[in-house]
Structure formats: C-alpha cells, structure tokens
C-alpha cells in the first residue's frame, strides 16, 4: 500500500461535499467552474466563502476533458470584465 496515494473524485451535480464525507481526499470543484461559466461574481464569491475545511479539499480547474475549452467558454468575455 502506498501511504502517499490520494483519492480524487471527479464529480457533478453539487456532490463535492458528499464525496469528501465518503472518504475522498479531494473532489473536483465543478460547482465553482459552473459559477465562473455563468459569469456571476456574487455566486463565485459566495462559493469561495464556504467553510475553509471544505475549500481545502477541492481541486479547482478551468480545463477538463469533459468540458468545453476555456478559450471557447470565456474567450473575449473575460477581457470585458
């Protein structure tokens, strides 16, 4: 057994916390990705204000093989913010 092995959950449908509670060391923060995609600053801020223990067990991403490329998703929109 490798003591340095980590379980990382790729999850959808706001199940990050549930998967953390089931024993995963980390979970992809798909909720943050979706809120960034909506370009809603208040939802992003609210999400980032969640419990620190929960936050420390999230993996944040902008690129994922299951999602549209970041440049296609945001493109010029980010320059206008």
Protein backbone atom coordinates (compact mmCIF):
# COMPACT_ATOMS: atom_id res chain seq x y z
CA UNK A 1 0.00 0.00 0.00
CA UNK A 2 1.30 3.44 -0.94
CA UNK A 3 0.77 5.79 2.02
CA UNK A 4 1.01 8.81 -0.31
CA UNK A 5 -1.88 7.69 -2.51
CA UNK A 6 -4.77 10.17 -2.73
CA UNK A 7 -8.33 9.57 -3.87
CA UNK A 8 -9.62 12.43 -6.07
CA UNK A 9 -13.27 12.45 -7.12
CA UNK A 10 -14.38 13.94 -10.42
CA UNK A 11 -17.95 14.83 -9.60
CA UNK A 12 -21.02 16.62 -10.87
CA UNK A 13 -24.39 17.77 -9.51
CA UNK A 14 -23.03 19.60 -6.42
CA UNK A 15 -21.87 16.36 -4.77
CA UNK A 16 -18.38 17.54 -3.77
CA UNK A 17 -19.09 17.68 -0.04
CA UNK A 18 -20.86 14.33 -0.06
CA UNK A 19 -17.87 12.69 -1.76
CA UNK A 20 -15.47 14.27 0.72
CA UNK A 21 -17.58 12.79 3.53
CA UNK A 22 -17.40 9.37 1.86
CA UNK A 23 -13.61 9.42 2.20
CA UNK A 24 -12.24 11.03 -0.95
CA UNK A 25 -9.20 13.17 -0.17
CA UNK A 26 -10.19 15.77 -2.76
CA UNK A 27 -13.05 16.49 -5.15
CA UNK A 28 -13.08 18.49 -8.36
CA UNK A 29 -14.79 21.82 -7.73
CA UNK A 30 -17.28 21.58 -10.58
CA UNK A 31 -19.62 23.95 -8.77
CA UNK A 32 -17.05 26.76 -8.94
CA UNK A 33 -16.42 26.01 -12.61
CA UNK A 34 -20.16 26.29 -13.35
CA UNK A 35 -20.45 29.56 -11.43
CA UNK A 36 -17.45 31.00 -13.26
CA UNK A 37 -19.03 29.92 -16.53
CA UNK A 38 -22.19 31.88 -15.60
CA UNK A 39 -20.01 35.00 -15.10
CA UNK A 40 -21.90 35.68 -11.85
CA UNK A 41 -19.46 37.38 -9.46
CA UNK A 42 -21.84 37.10 -6.50
CA UNK A 43 -22.27 33.33 -6.88
CA UNK A 44 -18.49 32.89 -7.26
CA UNK A 45 -17.83 35.00 -4.16
CA UNK A 46 -20.47 33.14 -2.17
CA UNK A 47 -18.98 29.82 -3.17
CA UNK A 48 -15.48 30.90 -2.17
CA UNK A 49 -16.79 31.97 1.25
CA UNK A 50 -17.73 28.38 2.16
CA UNK A 51 -16.14 26.60 5.13
CA UNK A 52 -12.34 26.55 4.91
CA UNK A 53 -12.13 22.82 5.67
CA UNK A 54 -14.37 22.12 2.69
CA UNK A 55 -12.42 24.52 0.47
CA UNK A 56 -9.07 22.88 1.29
CA UNK A 57 -10.33 19.58 -0.11
CA UNK A 58 -11.34 20.93 -3.53
CA UNK A 59 -9.38 20.77 -6.80
CA UNK A 60 -10.01 23.86 -8.89
CA UNK A 61 -9.79 23.74 -12.68
CA UNK A 62 -10.51 25.72 -15.84
CA UNK A 63 -9.77 22.91 -18.30
CA UNK A 64 -11.27 19.42 -18.20
CA UNK A 65 -11.68 16.81 -20.92
CA UNK A 66 -15.43 16.71 -20.23
CA UNK A 67 -15.94 20.46 -20.68
CA UNK A 68 -15.63 22.96 -23.48
CA UNK A 69 -12.16 24.53 -23.76
CA UNK A 70 -11.69 27.60 -21.53
CA UNK A 71 -10.88 29.84 -24.51
CA UNK A 72 -14.13 28.80 -26.18
CA UNK A 73 -16.11 29.17 -22.95
CA UNK A 74 -14.90 32.63 -21.97
CA UNK A 75 -12.99 34.00 -24.95
CA UNK A 76 -13.35 37.76 -25.10
CA UNK A 77 -15.84 37.81 -22.20
CA UNK A 78 -13.06 37.79 -19.62
CA UNK A 79 -11.40 40.81 -21.22
CA UNK A 80 -14.62 42.79 -20.77
CA UNK A 81 -14.96 42.15 -17.02
